[in-house]
Structure formats: structure tokens, C-alpha cells
Amino acid sequence: METAVKYPDVKKYINRQLEVNVEQKIDVFSTIDGEIISHVPLSGFATLDKAVEAAKAAFPAWSNTTIKERVQIFYRYRTLLAKYREELTELVHIENGKTHGEAAAEVDKSIELTEFACSLPQMIPGEIMEVSKGVECRTERLPLGVVASITPFNFPIMVPNWTTPNAITLGNCLILKPSEQVPLSANRIAELLKEAGLPEGVLNVVNGAQEMVEAICDHPGIEAVSFVGSTKVAKIVYKRATSNLKRCLALGGAKNHLLVLPDAHLEMTASDIAASMSGCAGQRCMAASAMVGVGKIDHIVERLCEEVKQIVPGENLGSVISKKAKERIERYISEAEAAGAKVLVDGRNTTVKGHEGGFYVGPTVIDFVKPDMAIAKEEVFGPVLSIMRTENVDQAIQIENNSSYGNAAAVFTQSGGLARYVMDKVSAGLIGVNIGVPVPREPFAFGGWNESKFGVGDITGKTSIDFWTQVKKTTTKWNPEARINWMS
């Protein structure tokens, strides 16, 4: 007899209906205690095809609805996100392992993202000009059609809201494919949008793993694909989708460097770096995973370790996504130690009383890491900070620029001149000065450089408009008496 689970089996959401899946299913675990909380299907092309057909059927009416009308649904959706904030917070906490505070912040960010979508009518009015006597040129933005968004495990609510409000408000119909590790939040998003009045077929949620991602990249009915995940998979998705003549914007991993100078403000630097490296259990592409100390920074390292020791797993530090992830993170630490690095704060072999089956890694600080060590070059995706030491700023910048990634970089200093120098020289799309997580707020866009992003533009903010729309240019002439010239 099967043991009852906390949540019903995940179902596909097509045409505003939750439908039973007949495919093979896998377990969904709560990372905080290792218990099975649901089951999710491993769907493929047949399920996707049904979702695409529903979206295609909905597209003509939805795209012909004015943006002023479309946005009213997202005003109501924003209200529902706020109304169900506590429920959504608990859902993220259970399926992802974030602390309640982090989960609530994720919901709050989703509200902000929706508010941005509600402002789109003021951002996309077309242009019109009389370019010659009696001749007008005008532009207008039109939706692409059926589009898809593939989202990761680390932000079950926020990342779907990076794409869903903007893509749909701009007139597209969307296929949402959440991570099979955190599939519950996506269906709740769909239910809230249904409650807000979104017509059937405009949003459809499909589930699955690799086969579903490949199906999305290959399906001829999908015009554009956004992806957020590891760099390895982002490359594959970008190549496969574009080879099928789709637009694609694929966000990958990161190795974010925080350059710390001796004059950095002691308390602010220590607290900001500790929060950056441990927030969301280090499972975010904006986490501080590499600190590059310039010159005499022992006093900062000492204070940093004091801050890190105040971070307690199960209290103000959440769990990592799986047992496999825990083992991988701890292996990075052990390999660095064996290679000569010094572990100042050790988070290996962590358990939480009452949640012994949970997947926890304690906050970890490793000093005297060499740039050629794996832990210095690769994305660990856990609450681990590697400290490298240099003699001058240029050496520190060189370490950052040698990274294949380019998501974020930050500098901690009280010198405006040095801060400007670093800002100009580092190769990253998101730069911070005395801030450990330099994520811009709306309407500024989110997106990195190099192997942290594949494709043109950004996934949020104003530049996302370009990704989700195409521009129609119209020239009109109503004066037959005008002389024929090169404008004719």
C-alpha cells in the first residue's frame, strides 16, 4: 500500500484544466526532510503537442485583444499573489528548501515582476512620423505566437514570473516547463492566473525532464524559447532551439567574484559577503562563490568567518536541492582541502535535528584557494565561499576575467576611483559596488555575459520586450497629387 503524500500527483495544465498524466512518474522530494511530497510525470512530445495546439487555438483571440485589456488580468494576478503570499511562501519552502524569509522574498519579487508587466502599455506605444509630405511611417510591436519558458529548481515562483507576465501581456501564448524537482509552484501560478481571468489555452504547463526540453526545442509550433539553468544545458538548448530556427535566450551558470580591498568597510563587507554566499543555500546564479582579496585583508576574513558562524542550517540557512547536490558540494570542499586550501568554516556532514533526512550543507569558507583549483573555476552551487589572494587590483581583475562565466562581479572598497577602475575592467554583465548580490530592480534588466548567457537581450526588464515581440513597420500615402519621388 502506497504511503500518502503531502501534495497530489502533479498534473499537466492545458486549456485551464488539470489533466491526469499517464506517463512514467518520478518522486518529488521535500529537501528539508527528504520526504516524498508528490510525484511528477516524465512527459514528452505527445503532451507538448497537445499544449501547443491549445496555445495555437487561443492565440488569434488573445493577440487581437488590446494590451490595455490583457494587462487587466495581471493587475488581478498581482493582487492574488499578495493575497496568497503565505501559502506560496510555504510551498516554496517545502519543495525547494528555502527559509521562510527567502521564500517570502521570492514571492515579493514575483509581485514586482508582475507590476512591471502591468506597466508595459506605457512602454510599447508605436512611433509615427510624417517622413515626407503626405507620407507616414509607423511602427508597432506584435507578439510572436506560441512561446515557451523552461525554468530551474532554484526559484520555483520567481523565475516563471520572469517570463510569464511579460510574454503573455505582450500577446503571446506560453508553454511553461518547470523543473521536475519543483513542479508544484508552476501549477499554482496557472491556477491563480485562471482565477484572474486568463482565457483557456493562453498558459499551459507541461512537465518532464530531458525529453520534454528536447521536445520544446524541436516543436515546429513554438516560435521562441527562454531557458534558465546550468551553462552546460543552456548551450545545448540554445544550439538546438536556434538550429530549429527559433529565437532563444538561454541563461547559464556563474562564478561570481567579489574583489575585496583592504580599505573596505569591515562590518558591511563581512555581513554582505556572508549573506551573498549563503543566501538561498548558495543555489542562485548571483551567489558570491569566489572572494578575491587584495593585499592585507586578514582582518576582513576574520570578521567574515564570525558572520558566517552565525548562519545556522535549518534556521537561517535552507537546504540544497538533493542528496546528490549535497554530495557534490562536499566533494568540492574535500578536494580543495586536499589540494592545499585551508577550510576556515566547515559545513560538511551537516544534519538538522528533527530533519535528519534533509539535504543540508553548512556555510563553508575556504582560504588560500588557488585559481587553478576546481572549486575556484567551477560553479559549486552551494553555501561555499572560496578565498583567493592577490597582491594588487590588476591581478584580482585578471582572475575574474579569466573565468569563462560573466554573470556578476563586485568590488568592496571606500575608494571611488578604484571602484570605477574595477567596474570598467571586469567582464560581467551585472556589477556591484559594496553589494554582494548586484541584482537590478525592475525596470532594469537581468542578464550576464560570456558563458552565463546565450542569445541577445535580457530575460527581464525593458529589453525583454524585444525578445517577446516583433516589429511591424507600415508606410502609408494618401495624397495621389504628390509628385513621385524616391519615397514612392
Protein backbone atom coordinates (compact mmCIF):
# COMPACT_ATOMS: atom_id res chain seq x y z
CA MET A 1 0.00 0.00 0.00
CA GLU A 2 1.40 3.41 -1.01
CA THR A 3 2.12 5.95 1.69
CA ALA A 4 0.06 9.14 1.45
CA VAL A 5 2.00 12.19 0.29
CA LYS A 6 1.53 15.85 1.17
CA TYR A 7 0.50 17.01 -2.31
CA PRO A 8 -1.48 15.26 -5.08
CA ASP A 9 0.40 13.98 -8.10
CA VAL A 10 1.36 16.79 -10.44
CA LYS A 11 -0.92 17.09 -13.46
CA LYS A 12 -0.49 18.83 -16.78
CA TYR A 13 -2.37 22.12 -17.09
CA ILE A 14 -3.89 22.55 -20.56
CA ASN A 15 -6.81 24.76 -21.57
CA ARG A 16 -7.29 25.83 -17.94
CA GLN A 17 -7.78 22.22 -16.86
CA LEU A 18 -5.61 19.98 -14.70
CA GLU A 19 -5.41 16.68 -16.57
CA VAL A 20 -4.24 13.28 -15.35
CA ASN A 21 -0.93 12.12 -16.78
CA VAL A 22 -0.45 8.55 -17.91
CA GLU A 23 3.32 8.72 -18.33
CA GLN A 24 6.00 7.36 -16.05
CA LYS A 25 6.31 9.37 -12.84
CA ILE A 26 9.19 10.18 -10.53
CA ASP A 27 9.19 11.21 -6.89
CA VAL A 28 9.24 14.84 -5.79
CA PHE A 29 11.15 15.29 -2.54
CA SER A 30 10.97 17.97 0.10
CA THR A 31 14.59 18.96 0.54
CA ILE A 32 14.10 19.96 4.17
CA ASP A 33 13.47 16.42 5.39
CA GLY A 34 13.98 14.16 2.39
CA GLU A 35 10.34 13.01 2.39
CA ILE A 36 8.40 12.32 -0.81
CA ILE A 37 5.76 15.04 -1.17
CA SER A 38 4.37 14.32 -4.65
CA HIS A 39 5.02 12.64 -7.99
CA VAL A 40 5.64 14.30 -11.35
CA PRO A 41 5.23 12.79 -14.84
CA LEU A 42 8.05 12.49 -17.34
CA SER A 43 6.04 13.72 -20.31
CA GLY A 44 7.29 14.09 -23.86
CA PHE A 45 6.31 15.25 -27.33
CA ALA A 46 2.70 13.99 -27.28
CA THR A 47 1.83 16.03 -24.18
CA LEU A 48 3.68 19.05 -25.52
CA ASP A 49 1.89 18.79 -28.86
CA LYS A 50 -1.47 18.93 -27.11
CA ALA A 51 -0.37 22.02 -25.17
CA VAL A 52 0.91 23.73 -28.31
CA GLU A 53 -2.36 23.03 -30.13
CA ALA A 54 -4.28 24.60 -27.25
CA ALA A 55 -1.99 27.65 -27.32
CA LYS A 56 -2.29 27.97 -31.12
CA ALA A 57 -6.07 27.87 -30.87
CA ALA A 58 -6.03 30.60 -28.22
CA PHE A 59 -3.54 32.87 -29.97
CA PRO A 60 -5.75 34.66 -32.54
CA ALA A 61 -8.24 35.93 -29.98
CA TRP A 62 -5.62 36.69 -27.35
CA SER A 63 -3.29 38.57 -29.70
CA ASN A 64 -6.23 40.60 -31.03
CA THR A 65 -7.15 41.67 -27.52
CA THR A 66 -5.67 45.09 -26.80
CA ILE A 67 -2.76 45.24 -24.41
CA LYS A 68 -4.83 47.54 -22.20
CA GLU A 69 -7.31 44.68 -21.79
CA ARG A 70 -4.68 41.97 -21.43
CA VAL A 71 -2.92 43.80 -18.65
CA GLN A 72 -6.06 43.91 -16.52
CA ILE A 73 -5.64 40.19 -15.87
CA PHE A 74 -2.18 40.79 -14.47
CA TYR A 75 -3.44 43.55 -12.19
CA ARG A 76 -5.75 40.92 -10.70
CA TYR A 77 -2.96 38.31 -10.70
CA ARG A 78 -0.74 40.71 -8.75
CA THR A 79 -3.48 41.06 -6.16
CA LEU A 80 -3.78 37.27 -5.88
CA LEU A 81 -0.01 36.86 -5.40
CA ALA A 82 -0.29 39.22 -2.45
CA LYS A 83 -3.44 37.53 -1.15
CA TYR A 84 -1.86 34.05 -1.20
CA ARG A 85 1.62 35.21 -0.20
CA GLU A 86 1.81 32.98 2.87
CA GLU A 87 0.58 29.90 1.00
CA LEU A 88 3.06 30.45 -1.83
CA THR A 89 5.85 31.06 0.67
CA GLU A 90 5.15 27.74 2.36
CA LEU A 91 5.02 25.95 -0.99
CA VAL A 92 8.45 27.27 -1.99
CA HIS A 93 9.82 26.39 1.44
CA ILE A 94 8.56 22.82 1.22
CA GLU A 95 9.55 21.96 -2.34
CA ASN A 96 12.76 24.00 -2.65
CA GLY A 97 14.09 24.17 0.91
CA LYS A 98 14.47 27.93 1.19
CA THR A 99 13.97 29.52 4.58
CA HIS A 100 10.57 31.13 5.02
CA GLY A 101 12.15 34.59 4.73
CA GLU A 102 13.84 33.71 1.44
CA ALA A 103 10.69 32.10 0.09
CA ALA A 104 8.64 35.17 1.01
CA ALA A 105 11.20 37.39 -0.73
CA GLU A 106 10.79 35.26 -3.85
CA VAL A 107 7.04 35.84 -3.82
CA ASP A 108 7.57 39.55 -3.24
CA LYS A 109 9.92 39.70 -6.24
CA SER A 110 7.25 37.95 -8.32
CA ILE A 111 4.83 40.70 -7.33
CA GLU A 112 7.36 43.31 -8.50
CA LEU A 113 7.85 41.48 -11.79
CA THR A 114 4.10 41.44 -12.34
CA GLU A 115 3.90 45.16 -11.59
CA PHE A 116 6.45 45.72 -14.34
CA ALA A 117 4.29 43.74 -16.77
CA CYS A 118 1.36 45.94 -15.80
CA SER A 119 3.37 48.96 -16.96
CA LEU A 120 4.02 47.55 -20.44
CA PRO A 121 1.20 49.52 -22.12
CA GLN A 122 3.17 52.67 -21.28
CA MET A 123 6.40 51.19 -22.69
CA ILE A 124 5.44 49.86 -26.10
CA PRO A 125 3.44 52.53 -27.90
CA GLY A 126 4.43 52.62 -31.54
CA GLU A 127 6.12 55.51 -33.29
CA ILE A 128 4.65 57.56 -36.13
CA MET A 129 6.22 60.28 -38.25
CA GLU A 130 5.38 62.21 -41.40
CA VAL A 131 8.56 61.38 -43.30
CA SER A 132 7.56 63.19 -46.49
CA LYS A 133 4.61 65.40 -47.35
CA GLY A 134 1.58 63.15 -47.04
CA VAL A 135 3.65 60.06 -46.29
CA GLU A 136 3.68 58.49 -42.82
CA CYS A 137 5.83 55.76 -41.33
CA ARG A 138 4.78 53.95 -38.18
CA THR A 139 5.95 51.00 -36.08
CA GLU A 140 4.03 48.69 -33.78
CA ARG A 141 5.04 45.68 -31.69
CA LEU A 142 3.26 42.40 -32.27
CA PRO A 143 3.50 39.07 -30.43
CA LEU A 144 5.39 36.10 -31.85
CA GLY A 145 2.77 33.42 -31.29
CA VAL A 146 3.32 30.32 -29.15
CA VAL A 147 6.44 30.63 -26.99
CA ALA A 148 7.99 28.52 -24.23
CA SER A 149 9.74 29.08 -20.93
CA ILE A 150 11.91 26.40 -19.29
CA THR A 151 12.61 27.24 -15.65
CA PRO A 152 15.00 25.87 -12.98
CA PHE A 153 14.65 24.41 -9.50
CA ASN A 154 16.23 27.25 -7.52
CA PHE A 155 13.42 29.81 -7.88
CA PRO A 156 10.11 27.93 -8.38
CA ILE A 157 7.96 31.08 -8.22
CA MET A 158 10.25 33.93 -9.27
CA VAL A 159 11.82 32.63 -12.49
CA PRO A 160 8.46 31.61 -14.03
CA ASN A 161 7.42 35.18 -13.28
CA TRP A 162 10.49 36.49 -15.09
CA THR A 163 8.80 35.35 -18.29
CA THR A 164 5.10 34.57 -17.83
CA PRO A 165 3.70 38.09 -17.17
CA ASN A 166 5.76 39.79 -19.88
CA ALA A 167 5.34 37.15 -22.59
CA ILE A 168 1.58 36.87 -22.09
CA THR A 169 0.88 40.58 -21.59
CA LEU A 170 2.67 41.22 -24.89
CA GLY A 171 0.15 38.94 -26.60
CA ASN A 172 1.88 35.57 -26.79
CA CYS A 173 0.55 32.22 -25.60
CA LEU A 174 3.01 30.44 -23.33
CA ILE A 175 4.11 26.88 -22.61
CA LEU A 176 5.72 26.74 -19.15
CA LYS A 177 8.00 23.81 -18.31
CA PRO A 178 9.17 23.93 -14.67
CA SER A 179 11.97 21.84 -13.22
CA GLU A 180 10.81 18.32 -12.43
CA GLN A 181 12.38 18.82 -8.98
CA VAL A 182 10.00 21.68 -8.07
CA PRO A 183 6.86 21.26 -10.20
CA LEU A 184 4.22 22.31 -7.67
CA SER A 185 4.61 26.09 -7.81
CA ALA A 186 4.09 26.31 -11.58
CA ASN A 187 0.65 24.74 -11.40
CA ARG A 188 -0.29 27.14 -8.61
CA ILE A 189 0.75 30.03 -10.82
CA ALA A 190 -1.52 28.68 -13.54
CA GLU A 191 -4.43 28.34 -11.10
CA LEU A 192 -4.00 31.94 -9.93
CA LEU A 193 -3.94 33.21 -13.50
CA LYS A 194 -7.11 31.24 -14.20
CA GLU A 195 -8.69 32.90 -11.16
CA ALA A 196 -7.51 36.24 -12.52
CA GLY A 197 -9.41 35.57 -15.75
CA LEU A 198 -6.75 34.38 -18.19
CA PRO A 199 -8.56 32.67 -21.11
CA GLU A 200 -8.08 28.98 -21.80
CA GLY A 201 -5.03 27.99 -23.81
CA VAL A 202 -3.07 31.17 -23.17
CA LEU A 203 -0.93 29.48 -20.50
CA ASN A 204 -0.25 25.75 -20.48
CA VAL A 205 2.03 23.89 -18.06
CA VAL A 206 3.84 20.71 -19.08
CA ASN A 207 6.20 18.60 -17.00
CA GLY A 208 9.11 16.30 -17.63
CA ALA A 209 12.88 16.15 -17.82
CA GLN A 210 15.32 15.99 -20.74
CA GLU A 211 12.83 14.57 -23.23
CA MET A 212 10.43 17.45 -22.66
CA VAL A 213 13.17 20.06 -23.03
CA GLU A 214 14.25 18.46 -26.32
CA ALA A 215 10.63 18.39 -27.50
CA ILE A 216 10.26 22.12 -26.80
CA CYS A 217 13.43 22.88 -28.75
CA ASP A 218 12.21 20.77 -31.68
CA HIS A 219 8.50 21.54 -31.85
CA PRO A 220 7.68 23.44 -35.07
CA GLY A 221 4.77 25.25 -33.44
CA ILE A 222 6.94 27.09 -30.88
CA GLU A 223 8.46 30.39 -32.01
CA ALA A 224 10.76 31.26 -29.10
CA VAL A 225 12.31 29.55 -26.09
CA SER A 226 13.70 31.02 -22.88
CA PHE A 227 15.78 28.82 -20.59
CA VAL A 228 17.39 29.21 -17.17
CA GLY A 229 19.72 26.53 -15.82
CA SER A 230 23.30 25.32 -15.97
CA THR A 231 25.69 26.54 -18.65
CA LYS A 232 26.14 23.01 -19.96
CA VAL A 233 22.44 22.62 -20.65
CA ALA A 234 21.98 26.26 -21.71
CA LYS A 235 24.45 25.70 -24.55
CA ILE A 236 22.60 22.60 -25.70
CA VAL A 237 19.21 24.30 -25.55
CA TYR A 238 20.46 27.38 -27.40
CA LYS A 239 22.08 25.34 -30.19
CA ARG A 240 19.12 23.01 -30.56
CA ALA A 241 16.44 25.70 -30.50
CA THR A 242 18.23 28.04 -32.90
CA SER A 243 19.03 25.15 -35.25
CA ASN A 244 15.25 24.76 -35.46
CA LEU A 245 15.00 28.45 -36.39
CA LYS A 246 13.59 29.60 -33.05
CA ARG A 247 14.53 32.62 -31.04
CA CYS A 248 16.33 31.54 -27.91
CA LEU A 249 17.61 33.22 -24.80
CA ALA A 250 19.38 30.74 -22.51
CA LEU A 251 20.79 31.79 -19.15
CA GLY A 252 23.52 29.59 -17.72
CA GLY A 253 25.65 29.32 -14.62
CA ALA A 254 28.02 31.68 -12.89
CA LYS A 255 31.20 32.09 -10.89
CA ASN A 256 30.77 35.47 -9.30
CA HIS A 257 33.90 37.19 -7.95
CA LEU A 258 33.85 39.69 -5.12
CA LEU A 259 37.02 41.79 -5.12
CA VAL A 260 37.80 42.94 -1.57
CA LEU A 261 40.30 45.73 -0.98
CA PRO A 262 41.97 46.44 2.39
CA ASP A 263 40.05 49.71 2.84
CA ALA A 264 36.64 48.02 2.53
CA HIS A 265 34.17 48.84 5.31
CA LEU A 266 34.71 45.97 7.74
CA GLU A 267 31.21 45.31 9.06
CA MET A 268 29.34 45.95 5.83
CA THR A 269 31.72 43.84 3.76
CA ALA A 270 31.65 40.89 6.15
CA SER A 271 27.88 40.85 6.52
CA ASP A 272 27.17 41.37 2.81
CA ILE A 273 29.55 38.65 1.65
CA ALA A 274 28.25 36.20 4.26
CA ALA A 275 24.69 36.85 3.12
CA SER A 276 25.62 36.61 -0.54
CA MET A 277 27.44 33.29 -0.28
CA SER A 278 24.80 31.62 1.89
CA GLY A 279 21.51 33.11 0.71
CA CYS A 280 19.21 30.51 -0.86
CA ALA A 281 21.83 27.97 0.29
CA GLY A 282 24.14 29.35 -2.38
CA GLN A 283 21.82 27.97 -5.06
CA ARG A 284 21.49 31.09 -7.16
CA CYS A 285 23.44 32.40 -10.09
CA MET A 286 24.10 35.61 -8.18
CA ALA A 287 25.73 33.94 -5.15
CA ALA A 288 29.18 35.09 -4.09
CA SER A 289 31.20 31.94 -4.62
CA ALA A 290 34.66 33.47 -5.04
CA MET A 291 36.23 36.24 -2.96
CA VAL A 292 39.45 37.76 -4.29
CA GLY A 293 41.32 39.54 -1.52
CA VAL A 294 43.75 42.29 -2.50
CA GLY A 295 46.67 42.84 -0.14
CA LYS A 296 46.23 42.73 3.61
CA ILE A 297 42.69 41.55 4.19
CA ASP A 298 43.15 39.17 7.16
CA HIS A 299 41.01 41.41 9.38
CA ILE A 300 38.14 41.16 6.88
CA VAL A 301 38.47 37.37 6.57
CA GLU A 302 38.39 37.03 10.35
CA ARG A 303 35.27 39.17 10.68
CA LEU A 304 33.67 37.35 7.75
CA CYS A 305 34.14 34.00 9.47
CA GLU A 306 32.48 35.37 12.59
CA GLU A 307 29.47 36.38 10.48
CA VAL A 308 29.35 33.02 8.72
CA LYS A 309 29.33 31.15 12.02
CA GLN A 310 26.03 32.90 12.84
CA ILE A 311 24.40 31.15 9.88
CA VAL A 312 22.69 28.01 11.15
CA PRO A 313 21.32 25.27 8.88
CA GLY A 314 17.61 24.75 9.44
CA GLU A 315 17.25 28.22 10.95
CA ASN A 316 18.64 30.95 8.71
CA LEU A 317 20.13 28.59 6.11
CA GLY A 318 17.98 26.40 3.90
CA SER A 319 18.68 23.02 2.38
CA VAL A 320 20.18 22.19 -1.00
CA ILE A 321 18.06 20.59 -3.68
CA SER A 322 19.04 16.92 -3.38
CA LYS A 323 21.26 14.32 -1.77
CA LYS A 324 23.28 14.25 -4.98
CA ALA A 325 23.83 18.01 -4.78
CA LYS A 326 24.92 17.74 -1.13
CA GLU A 327 27.47 15.06 -2.03
CA ARG A 328 28.78 17.09 -4.97
CA ILE A 329 29.23 20.26 -2.90
CA GLU A 330 31.03 18.44 -0.10
CA ARG A 331 33.29 16.75 -2.64
CA TYR A 332 34.41 20.17 -3.92
CA ILE A 333 35.33 21.17 -0.35
CA SER A 334 37.29 18.00 0.33
CA GLU A 335 39.16 18.19 -2.96
CA ALA A 336 40.16 21.81 -2.31
CA GLU A 337 41.37 20.92 1.18
CA ALA A 338 43.40 18.00 -0.20
CA ALA A 339 44.95 20.36 -2.75
CA GLY A 340 46.24 22.69 -0.02
CA ALA A 341 43.41 25.13 0.68
CA LYS A 342 42.51 25.87 4.31
CA VAL A 343 38.95 25.27 5.49
CA LEU A 344 38.17 28.05 7.98
CA VAL A 345 34.47 27.24 8.46
CA ASP A 346 33.45 23.68 7.62
CA GLY A 347 29.88 22.84 6.62
CA ARG A 348 30.38 19.21 5.68
CA ASN A 349 28.43 16.39 7.32
CA THR A 350 25.71 18.76 8.49
CA THR A 351 22.43 17.44 9.88
CA VAL A 352 19.49 19.31 11.33
CA LYS A 353 17.79 17.94 14.43
CA GLY A 354 14.32 16.73 13.58
CA HIS A 355 15.12 16.82 9.86
CA GLU A 356 17.91 14.28 9.73
CA GLY A 357 16.82 13.20 6.25
CA GLY A 358 17.14 16.72 4.84
CA PHE A 359 19.79 17.79 2.37
CA TYR A 360 21.85 20.33 4.28
CA VAL A 361 25.34 21.74 3.75
CA GLY A 362 26.56 24.16 6.38
CA PRO A 363 28.12 27.51 5.40
CA THR A 364 31.74 26.97 4.40
CA VAL A 365 34.68 29.35 4.00
CA ILE A 366 37.88 28.12 2.34
CA ASP A 367 41.01 30.30 2.32
CA PHE A 368 44.17 30.18 0.20
CA VAL A 369 42.37 28.70 -2.77
CA LYS A 370 44.43 28.73 -5.96
CA PRO A 371 42.86 29.96 -9.22
CA ASP A 372 43.54 26.64 -10.94
CA MET A 373 41.59 24.57 -8.38
CA ALA A 374 38.25 23.17 -9.50
CA ILE A 375 36.43 24.95 -6.69
CA ALA A 376 37.80 28.26 -7.97
CA LYS A 377 36.73 27.70 -11.58
CA GLU A 378 33.52 25.69 -11.49
CA GLU A 379 30.05 26.54 -10.24
CA VAL A 380 29.62 24.82 -6.87
CA PHE A 381 26.02 25.99 -6.32
CA GLY A 382 26.11 25.69 -2.56
CA PRO A 383 26.85 27.83 0.53
CA VAL A 384 30.60 27.78 -0.07
CA LEU A 385 32.97 30.75 -0.38
CA SER A 386 36.44 30.29 -1.86
CA ILE A 387 39.01 32.97 -0.97
CA MET A 388 41.86 33.70 -3.33
CA ARG A 389 44.57 36.24 -2.52
CA THR A 390 46.38 38.70 -4.77
CA GLU A 391 48.89 41.49 -4.33
CA ASN A 392 47.13 44.13 -6.42
CA VAL A 393 43.87 45.05 -8.10
CA ASP A 394 45.01 44.13 -11.61
CA GLN A 395 45.79 40.57 -10.52
CA ALA A 396 42.35 40.33 -8.95
CA ILE A 397 40.70 41.63 -12.12
CA GLN A 398 42.67 39.11 -14.16
CA ILE A 399 41.32 36.24 -12.06
CA GLU A 400 37.78 37.46 -12.65
CA ASN A 401 38.31 37.96 -16.36
CA ASN A 402 39.88 34.53 -16.78
CA SER A 403 36.59 32.93 -15.76
CA SER A 404 34.51 31.52 -18.60
CA TYR A 405 31.43 32.90 -16.87
CA GLY A 406 30.35 36.52 -16.73
CA ASN A 407 27.22 36.86 -14.66
CA ALA A 408 28.22 39.17 -11.82
CA ALA A 409 31.22 40.79 -10.16
CA ALA A 410 31.52 43.19 -7.25
CA VAL A 411 34.14 45.31 -5.54
CA PHE A 412 34.28 46.30 -1.89
CA THR A 413 36.22 49.50 -1.28
CA GLN A 414 35.83 53.04 0.02
CA SER A 415 37.74 54.45 -2.95
CA GLY A 416 35.53 55.76 -5.71
CA GLY A 417 38.43 55.79 -8.13
CA LEU A 418 39.31 52.13 -7.56
CA ALA A 419 35.66 51.15 -7.70
CA ARG A 420 35.32 52.85 -11.09
CA TYR A 421 38.51 51.16 -12.30
CA VAL A 422 37.17 47.73 -11.39
CA MET A 423 33.75 48.47 -12.87
CA ASP A 424 35.38 49.38 -16.17
CA LYS A 425 37.73 46.39 -16.32
CA VAL A 426 35.79 43.31 -15.14
CA SER A 427 33.98 41.16 -17.70
CA ALA A 428 30.49 40.66 -16.27
CA GLY A 429 27.01 41.84 -17.09
CA LEU A 430 25.97 42.70 -13.51
CA ILE A 431 28.34 44.83 -11.42
CA GLY A 432 28.17 45.69 -7.73
CA VAL A 433 29.98 48.25 -5.61
CA ASN A 434 29.83 47.36 -1.93
CA ILE A 435 26.94 44.99 -2.57
CA GLY A 436 27.17 41.22 -2.63
CA VAL A 437 24.17 40.47 -4.85
CA PRO A 438 24.03 43.16 -7.58
CA VAL A 439 20.62 42.27 -8.97
CA PRO A 440 18.93 45.30 -10.53
CA ARG A 441 15.34 46.09 -9.66
CA GLU A 442 12.65 46.48 -12.31
CA PRO A 443 12.62 48.03 -14.88
CA PHE A 444 16.34 47.35 -15.18
CA ALA A 445 17.10 44.07 -16.90
CA PHE A 446 18.76 40.92 -15.53
CA GLY A 447 21.40 39.09 -17.54
CA GLY A 448 25.08 38.25 -17.63
CA TRP A 449 27.81 37.94 -20.24
CA ASN A 450 30.10 35.30 -21.70
CA GLU A 451 29.05 31.73 -20.87
CA SER A 452 26.44 32.93 -18.41
CA LYS A 453 24.10 33.87 -21.25
CA PHE A 454 23.47 32.70 -24.79
CA GLY A 455 21.35 34.88 -27.05
CA VAL A 456 20.68 38.59 -27.44
CA GLY A 457 18.95 40.78 -24.89
CA ASP A 458 17.87 40.07 -21.32
CA ILE A 459 15.14 38.00 -19.79
CA THR A 460 13.56 40.73 -17.65
CA GLY A 461 13.10 44.49 -17.81
CA LYS A 462 12.71 46.67 -20.86
CA THR A 463 14.96 44.62 -23.14
CA SER A 464 12.74 41.58 -22.67
CA ILE A 465 10.19 43.40 -24.84
CA ASP A 466 12.45 42.86 -27.84
CA PHE A 467 12.62 39.13 -27.20
CA TRP A 468 8.87 38.55 -26.89
CA THR A 469 7.74 40.76 -29.79
CA GLN A 470 8.41 41.55 -33.43
CA VAL A 471 8.16 44.98 -35.01
CA LYS A 472 5.85 45.74 -37.91
CA LYS A 473 6.73 48.81 -39.99
CA THR A 474 4.00 50.46 -42.07
CA THR A 475 4.29 53.27 -44.62
CA THR A 476 1.12 54.99 -45.88
CA LYS A 477 0.41 57.59 -48.56
CA TRP A 478 -2.98 59.24 -49.09
CA ASN A 479 -2.10 62.11 -51.43
CA PRO A 480 -2.18 60.95 -55.07
CA GLU A 481 -1.45 64.50 -56.19
CA ALA A 482 2.01 64.35 -54.61
CA ARG A 483 4.87 64.03 -57.05
CA ILE A 484 6.51 60.62 -57.38
CA ASN A 485 9.92 60.62 -55.76
CA TRP A 486 12.26 58.13 -54.18
CA MET A 487 9.85 57.81 -51.23
CA SER A 488 7.24 56.32 -53.56
